[in-house]
Amino acid sequence: MKKSLWITVGVILLLVGVFVWYKFFFVFGEGVKSGYLNYAIKKGYVFKTYEGKLIQEGFGKGKTGTITSYEFEFSISDPEVFKQLELNSGKVFDLHYKEYKGALPWRGNTRYVVDKVVNMK
C-alpha cells in the first residue's frame, strides 16, 4: 500500500512538473514583428518588469480598402534592449520575440517576450 501511494504521488508530481514546464517555460513560437514603437516602460508592484507596445499598420478587417492598426504588447527580457527601445520611441523596429503559453510575474505581463532588436529605422 505504501509503495503504490509513493508511485501515485511521484506520477502526480511528474505530471504537474511537465504541465508547469509546458505552460511557462516551453517556447511555443518565435518570430519577428515590425512596427512603430509606441512606448517602453518599467512597471510593476512587486516585480518591476519592462513592457512595451508596437503599433503595426496594414490592411485589416475594417472597411474594404482601409488601413487599420494592430497593437502588439510585449515584455522585454534584457535591460539593454529596454534602454535601446526607451531612447528611440516612435521609430520603426523589427523585434525578435518568443511566445510562451503563460506569463510569469517576474518575466513580464504578457506571453510575448522580446529578447533582441533585429533592426531599427
PDB file of N, CA and C in Angstrom:
ATOM      1  N   MET A   1       0.826  -1.201   0.000  1.00  0.00           N
ATOM      2  CA  MET A   1       0.000   0.000   0.000  1.00  0.00           C
ATOM      3  C   MET A   1       0.867   1.259   0.000  1.00  0.00           C
ATOM      4  N   LYS A   2       1.904   1.255   0.826  1.00  0.00           N
ATOM      5  CA  LYS A   2       2.768   2.415   0.936  1.00  0.00           C
ATOM      6  C   LYS A   2       3.528   2.678  -0.363  1.00  0.00           C
ATOM      7  N   LYS A   3       3.934   1.603  -1.022  1.00  0.00           N
ATOM      8  CA  LYS A   3       4.683   1.728  -2.269  1.00  0.00           C
ATOM      9  C   LYS A   3       3.802   2.324  -3.376  1.00  0.00           C
ATOM     10  N   SER A   4       2.577   1.879  -3.482  1.00  0.00           N
ATOM     11  CA  SER A   4       1.675   2.398  -4.521  1.00  0.00           C
ATOM     12  C   SER A   4       1.321   3.864  -4.258  1.00  0.00           C
ATOM     13  N   LEU A   5       1.253   4.266  -2.987  1.00  0.00           N
ATOM     14  CA  LEU A   5       0.993   5.661  -2.647  1.00  0.00           C
ATOM     15  C   LEU A   5       2.156   6.540  -3.124  1.00  0.00           C
ATOM     16  N   TRP A   6       3.397   6.100  -2.880  1.00  0.00           N
ATOM     17  CA  TRP A   6       4.571   6.858  -3.323  1.00  0.00           C
ATOM     18  C   TRP A   6       4.644   6.927  -4.841  1.00  0.00           C
ATOM     19  N   ILE A   7       4.288   5.868  -5.524  1.00  0.00           N
ATOM     20  CA  ILE A   7       4.277   5.869  -7.001  1.00  0.00           C
ATOM     21  C   ILE A   7       3.229   6.847  -7.507  1.00  0.00           C
ATOM     22  N   THR A   8       2.051   6.834  -6.899  1.00  0.00           N
ATOM     23  CA  THR A   8       0.982   7.758  -7.303  1.00  0.00           C
ATOM     24  C   THR A   8       1.400   9.205  -7.080  1.00  0.00           C
ATOM     25  N   VAL A   9       1.980   9.502  -5.925  1.00  0.00           N
ATOM     26  CA  VAL A   9       2.452  10.859  -5.627  1.00  0.00           C
ATOM     27  C   VAL A   9       3.547  11.264  -6.615  1.00  0.00           C
ATOM     28  N   GLY A  10       4.455  10.349  -6.911  1.00  0.00           N
ATOM     29  CA  GLY A  10       5.522  10.624  -7.870  1.00  0.00           C
ATOM     30  C   GLY A  10       4.989  10.930  -9.262  1.00  0.00           C
ATOM     31  N   VAL A  11       4.010  10.150  -9.718  1.00  0.00           N
ATOM     32  CA  VAL A  11       3.415  10.380 -11.042  1.00  0.00           C
ATOM     33  C   VAL A  11       2.688  11.716 -11.074  1.00  0.00           C
ATOM     34  N   ILE A  12       1.968  12.041 -10.013  1.00  0.00           N
ATOM     35  CA  ILE A  12       1.249  13.326  -9.951  1.00  0.00           C
ATOM     36  C   ILE A  12       2.247  14.484  -9.981  1.00  0.00           C
ATOM     37  N   LEU A  13       3.322  14.397  -9.204  1.00  0.00           N
ATOM     38  CA  LEU A  13       4.336  15.457  -9.213  1.00  0.00           C
ATOM     39  C   LEU A  13       4.994  15.586 -10.578  1.00  0.00           C
ATOM     40  N   LEU A  14       5.251  14.468 -11.233  1.00  0.00           N
ATOM     41  CA  LEU A  14       5.831  14.492 -12.574  1.00  0.00           C
ATOM     42  C   LEU A  14       4.886  15.176 -13.564  1.00  0.00           C
ATOM     43  N   LEU A  15       3.599  14.843 -13.499  1.00  0.00           N
ATOM     44  CA  LEU A  15       2.619  15.469 -14.401  1.00  0.00           C
ATOM     45  C   LEU A  15       2.486  16.966 -14.128  1.00  0.00           C
ATOM     46  N   VAL A  16       2.484  17.361 -12.858  1.00  0.00           N
ATOM     47  CA  VAL A  16       2.420  18.789 -12.526  1.00  0.00           C
ATOM     48  C   VAL A  16       3.669  19.496 -13.045  1.00  0.00           C
ATOM     49  N   GLY A  17       4.833  18.868 -12.886  1.00  0.00           N
ATOM     50  CA  GLY A  17       6.079  19.450 -13.383  1.00  0.00           C
ATOM     51  C   GLY A  17       6.070  19.630 -14.893  1.00  0.00           C
ATOM     52  N   VAL A  18       5.592  18.631 -15.611  1.00  0.00           N
ATOM     53  CA  VAL A  18       5.509  18.729 -17.079  1.00  0.00           C
ATOM     54  C   VAL A  18       4.532  19.834 -17.481  1.00  0.00           C
ATOM     55  N   PHE A  19       3.402  19.935 -16.787  1.00  0.00           N
ATOM     56  CA  PHE A  19       2.431  20.979 -17.090  1.00  0.00           C
ATOM     57  C   PHE A  19       3.019  22.368 -16.861  1.00  0.00           C
ATOM     58  N   VAL A  20       3.696  22.575 -15.735  1.00  0.00           N
ATOM     59  CA  VAL A  20       4.304  23.880 -15.433  1.00  0.00           C
ATOM     60  C   VAL A  20       5.372  24.214 -16.466  1.00  0.00           C
ATOM     61  N   TRP A  21       6.194  23.240 -16.823  1.00  0.00           N
ATOM     62  CA  TRP A  21       7.226  23.474 -17.844  1.00  0.00           C
ATOM     63  C   TRP A  21       6.581  23.880 -19.167  1.00  0.00           C
ATOM     64  N   TYR A  22       5.548  23.146 -19.607  1.00  0.00           N
ATOM     65  CA  TYR A  22       4.891  23.445 -20.876  1.00  0.00           C
ATOM     66  C   TYR A  22       4.211  24.813 -20.837  1.00  0.00           C
ATOM     67  N   LYS A  23       3.538  25.122 -19.760  1.00  0.00           N
ATOM     68  CA  LYS A  23       2.766  26.364 -19.659  1.00  0.00           C
ATOM     69  C   LYS A  23       3.660  27.602 -19.561  1.00  0.00           C
ATOM     70  N   PHE A  24       4.786  27.521 -18.840  1.00  0.00           N
ATOM     71  CA  PHE A  24       5.550  28.723 -18.539  1.00  0.00           C
ATOM     72  C   PHE A  24       6.968  28.775 -19.104  1.00  0.00           C
ATOM     73  N   PHE A  25       7.523  27.650 -19.522  1.00  0.00           N
ATOM     74  CA  PHE A  25       8.917  27.651 -19.963  1.00  0.00           C
ATOM     75  C   PHE A  25       9.127  27.135 -21.384  1.00  0.00           C
ATOM     76  N   PHE A  26       8.182  26.407 -21.947  1.00  0.00           N
ATOM     77  CA  PHE A  26       8.280  25.908 -23.309  1.00  0.00           C
ATOM     78  C   PHE A  26       8.028  27.064 -24.282  1.00  0.00           C
ATOM     79  N   VAL A  27       8.960  27.269 -25.217  1.00  0.00           N
ATOM     80  CA  VAL A  27       8.801  28.332 -26.213  1.00  0.00           C
ATOM     81  C   VAL A  27       7.855  27.800 -27.293  1.00  0.00           C
ATOM     82  N   PHE A  28       6.623  28.310 -27.293  1.00  0.00           N
ATOM     83  CA  PHE A  28       5.587  27.861 -28.214  1.00  0.00           C
ATOM     84  C   PHE A  28       5.853  28.361 -29.624  1.00  0.00           C
ATOM     85  N   GLY A  29       6.342  29.590 -29.740  1.00  0.00           N
ATOM     86  CA  GLY A  29       6.638  30.164 -31.048  1.00  0.00           C
ATOM     87  C   GLY A  29       7.620  31.307 -30.905  1.00  0.00           C
ATOM     88  N   GLU A  30       8.289  31.610 -31.997  1.00  0.00           N
ATOM     89  CA  GLU A  30       9.171  32.773 -32.002  1.00  0.00           C
ATOM     90  C   GLU A  30       9.202  33.342 -33.402  1.00  0.00           C
ATOM     91  N   GLY A  31       9.493  34.637 -33.474  1.00  0.00           N
ATOM     92  CA  GLY A  31       9.497  35.307 -34.765  1.00  0.00           C
ATOM     93  C   GLY A  31       9.897  36.759 -34.623  1.00  0.00           C
ATOM     94  N   VAL A  32       9.585  37.521 -35.663  1.00  0.00           N
ATOM     95  CA  VAL A  32       9.933  38.941 -35.705  1.00  0.00           C
ATOM     96  C   VAL A  32       8.668  39.731 -36.022  1.00  0.00           C
ATOM     97  N   LYS A  33       8.434  40.774 -35.265  1.00  0.00           N
ATOM     98  CA  LYS A  33       7.333  41.712 -35.533  1.00  0.00           C
ATOM     99  C   LYS A  33       7.940  43.061 -35.831  1.00  0.00           C
ATOM    100  N   SER A  34       7.307  43.795 -36.739  1.00  0.00           N
ATOM    101  CA  SER A  34       7.800  45.102 -37.153  1.00  0.00           C
ATOM    102  C   SER A  34       6.705  46.142 -36.980  1.00  0.00           C
ATOM    103  N   GLY A  35       7.101  47.342 -36.542  1.00  0.00           N
ATOM    104  CA  GLY A  35       6.135  48.419 -36.395  1.00  0.00           C
ATOM    105  C   GLY A  35       6.740  49.597 -35.664  1.00  0.00           C
ATOM    106  N   TYR A  36       5.896  50.587 -35.420  1.00  0.00           N
ATOM    107  CA  TYR A  36       6.319  51.797 -34.707  1.00  0.00           C
ATOM    108  C   TYR A  36       6.241  51.539 -33.211  1.00  0.00           C
ATOM    109  N   LEU A  37       7.308  51.854 -32.502  1.00  0.00           N
ATOM    110  CA  LEU A  37       7.319  51.681 -31.058  1.00  0.00           C
ATOM    111  C   LEU A  37       6.485  52.777 -30.413  1.00  0.00           C
ATOM    112  N   ASN A  38       5.432  52.398 -29.731  1.00  0.00           N
ATOM    113  CA  ASN A  38       4.567  53.350 -29.055  1.00  0.00           C
ATOM    114  C   ASN A  38       5.163  53.739 -27.705  1.00  0.00           C
ATOM    115  N   TYR A  39       5.545  52.747 -26.899  1.00  0.00           N
ATOM    116  CA  TYR A  39       6.170  53.053 -25.617  1.00  0.00           C
ATOM    117  C   TYR A  39       6.983  51.862 -25.119  1.00  0.00           C
ATOM    118  N   ALA A  40       7.900  52.159 -24.216  1.00  0.00           N
ATOM    119  CA  ALA A  40       8.659  51.161 -23.464  1.00  0.00           C
ATOM    120  C   ALA A  40       8.738  51.675 -22.032  1.00  0.00           C
ATOM    121  N   ILE A  41       8.215  50.895 -21.091  1.00  0.00           N
ATOM    122  CA  ILE A  41       8.153  51.339 -19.705  1.00  0.00           C
ATOM    123  C   ILE A  41       8.609  50.237 -18.755  1.00  0.00           C
ATOM    124  N   LYS A  42       8.973  50.654 -17.538  1.00  0.00           N
ATOM    125  CA  LYS A  42       9.276  49.723 -16.457  1.00  0.00           C
ATOM    126  C   LYS A  42       8.168  49.886 -15.434  1.00  0.00           C
ATOM    127  N   LYS A  43       7.469  48.783 -15.108  1.00  0.00           N
ATOM    128  CA  LYS A  43       6.352  48.910 -14.178  1.00  0.00           C
ATOM    129  C   LYS A  43       6.161  47.624 -13.393  1.00  0.00           C
ATOM    130  N   GLY A  44       5.373  47.714 -12.341  1.00  0.00           N
ATOM    131  CA  GLY A  44       5.036  46.561 -11.532  1.00  0.00           C
ATOM    132  C   GLY A  44       4.984  46.906 -10.064  1.00  0.00           C
ATOM    133  N   TYR A  45       4.203  46.142  -9.306  1.00  0.00           N
ATOM    134  CA  TYR A  45       4.086  46.353  -7.864  1.00  0.00           C
ATOM    135  C   TYR A  45       5.222  45.658  -7.125  1.00  0.00           C
ATOM    136  N   VAL A  46       5.379  44.381  -7.327  1.00  0.00           N
ATOM    137  CA  VAL A  46       6.419  43.611  -6.650  1.00  0.00           C
ATOM    138  C   VAL A  46       7.592  43.363  -7.589  1.00  0.00           C
ATOM    139  N   PHE A  47       7.291  42.820  -8.763  1.00  0.00           N
ATOM    140  CA  PHE A  47       8.315  42.548  -9.763  1.00  0.00           C
ATOM    141  C   PHE A  47       8.295  43.671 -10.792  1.00  0.00           C
ATOM    142  N   LYS A  48       9.357  44.456 -10.860  1.00  0.00           N
ATOM    143  CA  LYS A  48       9.461  45.523 -11.855  1.00  0.00           C
ATOM    144  C   LYS A  48       9.892  44.899 -13.174  1.00  0.00           C
ATOM    145  N   THR A  49       9.003  44.937 -14.161  1.00  0.00           N
ATOM    146  CA  THR A  49       9.293  44.335 -15.457  1.00  0.00           C
ATOM    147  C   THR A  49       9.259  45.403 -16.535  1.00  0.00           C
ATOM    148  N   TYR A  50       9.891  45.097 -17.650  1.00  0.00           N
ATOM    149  CA  TYR A  50       9.927  46.000 -18.795  1.00  0.00           C
ATOM    150  C   TYR A  50       8.822  45.597 -19.765  1.00  0.00           C
ATOM    151  N   GLU A  51       8.003  46.571 -20.147  1.00  0.00           N
ATOM    152  CA  GLU A  51       6.877  46.325 -21.041  1.00  0.00           C
ATOM    153  C   GLU A  51       6.934  47.301 -22.213  1.00  0.00           C
ATOM    154  N   GLY A  52       6.332  46.929 -23.325  1.00  0.00           N
ATOM    155  CA  GLY A  52       6.315  47.804 -24.482  1.00  0.00           C
ATOM    156  C   GLY A  52       5.125  47.531 -25.372  1.00  0.00           C
ATOM    157  N   LYS A  53       4.913  48.447 -26.317  1.00  0.00           N
ATOM    158  CA  LYS A  53       3.825  48.295 -27.286  1.00  0.00           C
ATOM    159  C   LYS A  53       4.317  48.742 -28.649  1.00  0.00           C
ATOM    160  N   LEU A  54       4.051  47.919 -29.653  1.00  0.00           N
ATOM    161  CA  LEU A  54       4.411  48.184 -31.034  1.00  0.00           C
ATOM    162  C   LEU A  54       3.125  48.373 -31.831  1.00  0.00           C
ATOM    163  N   ILE A  55       3.057  49.419 -32.649  1.00  0.00           N
ATOM    164  CA  ILE A  55       1.891  49.659 -33.493  1.00  0.00           C
ATOM    165  C   ILE A  55       2.231  49.183 -34.903  1.00  0.00           C
ATOM    166  N   GLN A  56       1.453  48.212 -35.386  1.00  0.00           N
ATOM    167  CA  GLN A  56       1.652  47.669 -36.727  1.00  0.00           C
ATOM    168  C   GLN A  56       0.534  48.169 -37.623  1.00  0.00           C
ATOM    169  N   GLU A  57       0.899  48.638 -38.793  1.00  0.00           N
ATOM    170  CA  GLU A  57      -0.101  49.120 -39.738  1.00  0.00           C
ATOM    171  C   GLU A  57      -0.284  48.106 -40.847  1.00  0.00           C
ATOM    172  N   GLY A  58      -1.464  48.133 -41.437  1.00  0.00           N
ATOM    173  CA  GLY A  58      -1.723  47.234 -42.555  1.00  0.00           C
ATOM    174  C   GLY A  58      -3.200  47.154 -42.835  1.00  0.00           C
ATOM    175  N   PHE A  59      -3.537  46.308 -43.777  1.00  0.00           N
ATOM    176  CA  PHE A  59      -4.930  46.104 -44.121  1.00  0.00           C
ATOM    177  C   PHE A  59      -5.511  45.078 -43.176  1.00  0.00           C
ATOM    178  N   GLY A  60      -6.659  45.400 -42.611  1.00  0.00           N
ATOM    179  CA  GLY A  60      -7.254  44.514 -41.622  1.00  0.00           C
ATOM    180  C   GLY A  60      -8.695  44.186 -41.939  1.00  0.00           C
ATOM    181  N   LYS A  61      -9.469  43.915 -40.907  1.00  0.00           N
ATOM    182  CA  LYS A  61     -10.860  43.511 -41.057  1.00  0.00           C
ATOM    183  C   LYS A  61     -11.817  44.693 -41.070  1.00  0.00           C
ATOM    184  N   GLY A  62     -11.287  45.895 -41.211  1.00  0.00           N
ATOM    185  CA  GLY A  62     -12.146  47.078 -41.258  1.00  0.00           C
ATOM    186  C   GLY A  62     -12.878  47.149 -42.583  1.00  0.00           C
ATOM    187  N   LYS A  63     -13.272  48.333 -42.960  1.00  0.00           N
ATOM    188  CA  LYS A  63     -13.936  48.522 -44.246  1.00  0.00           C
ATOM    189  C   LYS A  63     -12.963  48.185 -45.371  1.00  0.00           C
ATOM    190  N   THR A  64     -13.483  47.756 -46.486  1.00  0.00           N
ATOM    191  CA  THR A  64     -12.644  47.370 -47.614  1.00  0.00           C
ATOM    192  C   THR A  64     -11.788  48.543 -48.071  1.00  0.00           C
ATOM    193  N   GLY A  65     -10.489  48.303 -48.169  1.00  0.00           N
ATOM    194  CA  GLY A  65      -9.570  49.323 -48.649  1.00  0.00           C
ATOM    195  C   GLY A  65      -9.067  50.277 -47.591  1.00  0.00           C
ATOM    196  N   THR A  66      -9.456  50.091 -46.341  1.00  0.00           N
ATOM    197  CA  THR A  66      -8.992  50.995 -45.290  1.00  0.00           C
ATOM    198  C   THR A  66      -7.788  50.394 -44.572  1.00  0.00           C
ATOM    199  N   ILE A  67      -6.967  51.261 -44.030  1.00  0.00           N
ATOM    200  CA  ILE A  67      -5.813  50.822 -43.272  1.00  0.00           C
ATOM    201  C   ILE A  67      -6.183  50.793 -41.794  1.00  0.00           C
ATOM    202  N   THR A  68      -5.874  49.678 -41.133  1.00  0.00           N
ATOM    203  CA  THR A  68      -6.133  49.553 -39.711  1.00  0.00           C
ATOM    204  C   THR A  68      -4.808  49.332 -38.998  1.00  0.00           C
ATOM    205  N   SER A  69      -4.811  49.419 -37.691  1.00  0.00           N
ATOM    206  CA  SER A  69      -3.577  49.183 -36.942  1.00  0.00           C
ATOM    207  C   SER A  69      -3.798  48.057 -35.942  1.00  0.00           C
ATOM    208  N   TYR A  70      -2.721  47.379 -35.638  1.00  0.00           N
ATOM    209  CA  TYR A  70      -2.729  46.295 -34.675  1.00  0.00           C
ATOM    210  C   TYR A  70      -1.683  46.620 -33.618  1.00  0.00           C
ATOM    211  N   GLU A  71      -2.049  46.452 -32.362  1.00  0.00           N
ATOM    212  CA  GLU A  71      -1.119  46.734 -31.268  1.00  0.00           C
ATOM    213  C   GLU A  71      -0.532  45.428 -30.772  1.00  0.00           C
ATOM    214  N   PHE A  72       0.781  45.360 -30.749  1.00  0.00           N
ATOM    215  CA  PHE A  72       1.496  44.198 -30.250  1.00  0.00           C
ATOM    216  C   PHE A  72       2.111  44.572 -28.908  1.00  0.00           C
ATOM    217  N   GLU A  73       1.533  44.054 -27.821  1.00  0.00           N
ATOM    218  CA  GLU A  73       2.054  44.328 -26.487  1.00  0.00           C
ATOM    219  C   GLU A  73       3.000  43.209 -26.097  1.00  0.00           C
ATOM    220  N   PHE A  74       4.121  43.579 -25.497  1.00  0.00           N
ATOM    221  CA  PHE A  74       5.155  42.602 -25.200  1.00  0.00           C
ATOM    222  C   PHE A  74       5.900  42.967 -23.927  1.00  0.00           C
ATOM    223  N   SER A  75       6.623  41.996 -23.401  1.00  0.00           N
ATOM    224  CA  SER A  75       7.539  42.194 -22.285  1.00  0.00           C
ATOM    225  C   SER A  75       8.955  42.138 -22.841  1.00  0.00           C
ATOM    226  N   ILE A  76       9.898  42.720 -22.108  1.00  0.00           N
ATOM    227  CA  ILE A  76      11.288  42.785 -22.564  1.00  0.00           C
ATOM    228  C   ILE A  76      12.146  42.082 -21.520  1.00  0.00           C
ATOM    229  N   SER A  77      12.983  41.138 -21.981  1.00  0.00           N
ATOM    230  CA  SER A  77      13.773  40.345 -21.036  1.00  0.00           C
ATOM    231  C   SER A  77      15.113  40.976 -20.683  1.00  0.00           C
ATOM    232  N   ASP A  78      15.704  41.740 -21.572  1.00  0.00           N
ATOM    233  CA  ASP A  78      17.058  42.253 -21.381  1.00  0.00           C
ATOM    234  C   ASP A  78      17.025  43.758 -21.094  1.00  0.00           C
ATOM    235  N   PRO A  79      17.636  44.216 -19.994  1.00  0.00           N
ATOM    236  CA  PRO A  79      17.658  45.657 -19.694  1.00  0.00           C
ATOM    237  C   PRO A  79      18.343  46.494 -20.780  1.00  0.00           C
ATOM    238  N   GLU A  80      19.314  45.946 -21.488  1.00  0.00           N
ATOM    239  CA  GLU A  80      19.984  46.678 -22.567  1.00  0.00           C
ATOM    240  C   GLU A  80      19.042  46.891 -23.751  1.00  0.00           C
ATOM    241  N   VAL A  81      18.228  45.889 -24.052  1.00  0.00           N
ATOM    242  CA  VAL A  81      17.221  46.036 -25.115  1.00  0.00           C
ATOM    243  C   VAL A  81      16.206  47.093 -24.701  1.00  0.00           C
ATOM    244  N   PHE A  82      15.809  47.079 -23.427  1.00  0.00           N
ATOM    245  CA  PHE A  82      14.869  48.094 -22.929  1.00  0.00           C
ATOM    246  C   PHE A  82      15.436  49.497 -23.099  1.00  0.00           C
ATOM    247  N   LYS A  83      16.700  49.701 -22.743  1.00  0.00           N
ATOM    248  CA  LYS A  83      17.314  51.031 -22.869  1.00  0.00           C
ATOM    249  C   LYS A  83      17.301  51.502 -24.322  1.00  0.00           C
ATOM    250  N   GLN A  84      17.612  50.598 -25.250  1.00  0.00           N
ATOM    251  CA  GLN A  84      17.611  50.963 -26.666  1.00  0.00           C
ATOM    252  C   GLN A  84      16.204  51.351 -27.123  1.00  0.00           C
ATOM    253  N   LEU A  85      15.199  50.608 -26.679  1.00  0.00           N
ATOM    254  CA  LEU A  85      13.819  50.930 -27.055  1.00  0.00           C
ATOM    255  C   LEU A  85      13.361  52.233 -26.392  1.00  0.00           C
ATOM    256  N   GLU A  86      13.692  52.408 -25.128  1.00  0.00           N
ATOM    257  CA  GLU A  86      13.259  53.588 -24.373  1.00  0.00           C
ATOM    258  C   GLU A  86      13.790  54.879 -25.006  1.00  0.00           C
ATOM    259  N   LEU A  87      15.000  54.837 -25.499  1.00  0.00           N
ATOM    260  CA  LEU A  87      15.620  56.030 -26.078  1.00  0.00           C
ATOM    261  C   LEU A  87      15.171  56.319 -27.506  1.00  0.00           C
ATOM    262  N   ASN A  88      14.453  55.391 -28.138  1.00  0.00           N
ATOM    263  CA  ASN A  88      14.080  55.545 -29.547  1.00  0.00           C
ATOM    264  C   ASN A  88      12.589  55.349 -29.775  1.00  0.00           C
ATOM    265  N   SER A  89      11.766  55.793 -28.863  1.00  0.00           N
ATOM    266  CA  SER A  89      10.321  55.666 -29.010  1.00  0.00           C
ATOM    267  C   SER A  89       9.848  56.420 -30.246  1.00  0.00           C
ATOM    268  N   GLY A  90       8.927  55.812 -30.987  1.00  0.00           N
ATOM    269  CA  GLY A  90       8.392  56.434 -32.198  1.00  0.00           C
ATOM    270  C   GLY A  90       9.070  55.974 -33.472  1.00  0.00           C
ATOM    271  N   LYS A  91      10.183  55.280 -33.358  1.00  0.00           N
ATOM    272  CA  LYS A  91      10.885  54.779 -34.538  1.00  0.00           C
ATOM    273  C   LYS A  91      10.344  53.415 -34.932  1.00  0.00           C
ATOM    274  N   VAL A  92      10.702  52.974 -36.125  1.00  0.00           N
ATOM    275  CA  VAL A  92      10.273  51.667 -36.622  1.00  0.00           C
ATOM    276  C   VAL A  92      11.297  50.619 -36.178  1.00  0.00           C
ATOM    277  N   PHE A  93      10.805  49.561 -35.568  1.00  0.00           N
ATOM    278  CA  PHE A  93      11.661  48.489 -35.074  1.00  0.00           C
ATOM    279  C   PHE A  93      11.238  47.150 -35.665  1.00  0.00           C
ATOM    280  N   ASP A  94      12.197  46.272 -35.840  1.00  0.00           N
ATOM    281  CA  ASP A  94      11.958  44.854 -36.073  1.00  0.00           C
ATOM    282  C   ASP A  94      12.431  44.154 -34.801  1.00  0.00           C
ATOM    283  N   LEU A  95      11.504  43.539 -34.071  1.00  0.00           N
ATOM    284  CA  LEU A  95      11.812  42.945 -32.772  1.00  0.00           C
ATOM    285  C   LEU A  95      11.661  41.430 -32.816  1.00  0.00           C
ATOM    286  N   HIS A  96      12.671  40.726 -32.346  1.00  0.00           N
ATOM    287  CA  HIS A  96      12.594  39.267 -32.229  1.00  0.00           C
ATOM    288  C   HIS A  96      11.943  38.938 -30.887  1.00  0.00           C
ATOM    289  N   TYR A  97      10.967  38.025 -30.913  1.00  0.00           N
ATOM    290  CA  TYR A  97      10.249  37.686 -29.686  1.00  0.00           C
ATOM    291  C   TYR A  97      10.078  36.181 -29.557  1.00  0.00           C
ATOM    292  N   LYS A  98       9.807  35.756 -28.323  1.00  0.00           N
ATOM    293  CA  LYS A  98       9.452  34.372 -28.021  1.00  0.00           C
ATOM    294  C   LYS A  98       8.057  34.376 -27.404  1.00  0.00           C
ATOM    295  N   GLU A  99       7.252  33.415 -27.816  1.00  0.00           N
ATOM    296  CA  GLU A  99       5.892  33.305 -27.289  1.00  0.00           C
ATOM    297  C   GLU A  99       5.792  32.097 -26.368  1.00  0.00           C
ATOM    298  N   TYR A 100       5.270  32.334 -25.175  1.00  0.00           N
ATOM    299  CA  TYR A 100       5.036  31.280 -24.196  1.00  0.00           C
ATOM    300  C   TYR A 100       3.532  31.095 -24.037  1.00  0.00           C
ATOM    301  N   LYS A 101       3.109  29.989 -23.439  1.00  0.00           N
ATOM    302  CA  LYS A 101       1.684  29.732 -23.237  1.00  0.00           C
ATOM    303  C   LYS A 101       1.131  30.482 -22.021  1.00  0.00           C
ATOM    304  N   GLY A 102       1.999  30.943 -21.133  1.00  0.00           N
ATOM    305  CA  GLY A 102       1.558  31.666 -19.946  1.00  0.00           C
ATOM    306  C   GLY A 102       2.603  32.683 -19.520  1.00  0.00           C
ATOM    307  N   ALA A 103       2.172  33.671 -18.757  1.00  0.00           N
ATOM    308  CA  ALA A 103       3.076  34.729 -18.278  1.00  0.00           C
ATOM    309  C   ALA A 103       3.487  34.447 -16.836  1.00  0.00           C
ATOM    310  N   LEU A 104       4.726  34.759 -16.525  1.00  0.00           N
ATOM    311  CA  LEU A 104       5.224  34.681 -15.154  1.00  0.00           C
ATOM    312  C   LEU A 104       5.418  36.102 -14.636  1.00  0.00           C
ATOM    313  N   PRO A 105       5.096  36.375 -13.373  1.00  0.00           N
ATOM    314  CA  PRO A 105       5.149  37.750 -12.867  1.00  0.00           C
ATOM    315  C   PRO A 105       6.533  38.388 -12.963  1.00  0.00           C
ATOM    316  N   TRP A 106       7.596  37.621 -12.815  1.00  0.00           N
ATOM    317  CA  TRP A 106       8.951  38.187 -12.880  1.00  0.00           C
ATOM    318  C   TRP A 106       9.480  38.273 -14.298  1.00  0.00           C
ATOM    319  N   ARG A 107       8.778  37.672 -15.263  1.00  0.00           N
ATOM    320  CA  ARG A 107       9.205  37.736 -16.664  1.00  0.00           C
ATOM    321  C   ARG A 107       8.460  38.840 -17.411  1.00  0.00           C
ATOM    322  N   GLY A 108       7.290  39.215 -16.948  1.00  0.00           N
ATOM    323  CA  GLY A 108       6.522  40.273 -17.597  1.00  0.00           C
ATOM    324  C   GLY A 108       5.035  40.003 -17.544  1.00  0.00           C
ATOM    325  N   ASN A 109       4.271  40.960 -18.059  1.00  0.00           N
ATOM    326  CA  ASN A 109       2.807  40.858 -18.016  1.00  0.00           C
ATOM    327  C   ASN A 109       2.200  40.150 -19.213  1.00  0.00           C
ATOM    328  N   THR A 110       3.007  39.846 -20.223  1.00  0.00           N
ATOM    329  CA  THR A 110       2.463  39.256 -21.436  1.00  0.00           C
ATOM    330  C   THR A 110       3.116  37.908 -21.727  1.00  0.00           C
ATOM    331  N   ARG A 111       2.528  37.189 -22.673  1.00  0.00           N
ATOM    332  CA  ARG A 111       3.091  35.914 -23.110  1.00  0.00           C
ATOM    333  C   ARG A 111       4.199  36.107 -24.132  1.00  0.00           C
ATOM    334  N   TYR A 112       4.339  37.325 -24.659  1.00  0.00           N
ATOM    335  CA  TYR A 112       5.338  37.617 -25.681  1.00  0.00           C
ATOM    336  C   TYR A 112       6.527  38.327 -25.039  1.00  0.00           C
ATOM    337  N   VAL A 113       7.721  37.770 -25.203  1.00  0.00           N
ATOM    338  CA  VAL A 113       8.922  38.323 -24.583  1.00  0.00           C
ATOM    339  C   VAL A 113       9.927  38.662 -25.675  1.00  0.00           C
ATOM    340  N   VAL A 114      10.222  39.963 -25.806  1.00  0.00           N
ATOM    341  CA  VAL A 114      11.203  40.423 -26.787  1.00  0.00           C
ATOM    342  C   VAL A 114      12.586  40.225 -26.198  1.00  0.00           C
ATOM    343  N   ASP A 115      13.463  39.582 -26.977  1.00  0.00           N
ATOM    344  CA  ASP A 115      14.810  39.323 -26.478  1.00  0.00           C
ATOM    345  C   ASP A 115      15.899  40.055 -27.255  1.00  0.00           C
ATOM    346  N   LYS A 116      15.580  40.606 -28.436  1.00  0.00           N
ATOM    347  CA  LYS A 116      16.585  41.389 -29.152  1.00  0.00           C
ATOM    348  C   LYS A 116      15.953  42.260 -30.222  1.00  0.00           C
ATOM    349  N   VAL A 117      16.679  43.319 -30.556  1.00  0.00           N
ATOM    350  CA  VAL A 117      16.285  44.220 -31.641  1.00  0.00           C
ATOM    351  C   VAL A 117      16.995  43.741 -32.903  1.00  0.00           C
ATOM    352  N   VAL A 118      16.219  43.412 -33.922  1.00  0.00           N
ATOM    353  CA  VAL A 118      16.803  42.945 -35.179  1.00  0.00           C
ATOM    354  C   VAL A 118      17.218  44.126 -36.039  1.00  0.00           C
ATOM    355  N   ASN A 119      16.351  45.149 -36.110  1.00  0.00           N
ATOM    356  CA  ASN A 119      16.604  46.314 -36.963  1.00  0.00           C
ATOM    357  C   ASN A 119      15.859  47.515 -36.398  1.00  0.00           C
ATOM    358  N   MET A 120      16.440  48.707 -36.611  1.00  0.00           N
ATOM    359  CA  MET A 120      15.795  49.945 -36.200  1.00  0.00           C
ATOM    360  C   MET A 120      15.942  50.952 -37.329  1.00  0.00           C
ATOM    361  N   LYS A 121      14.842  51.625 -37.682  1.00  0.00           N
ATOM    362  CA  LYS A 121      14.871  52.615 -38.765  1.00  0.00           C
ATOM    363  C   LYS A 121      14.460  53.969 -38.203  1.00  0.00           C
TER     364      LYS A 121
END
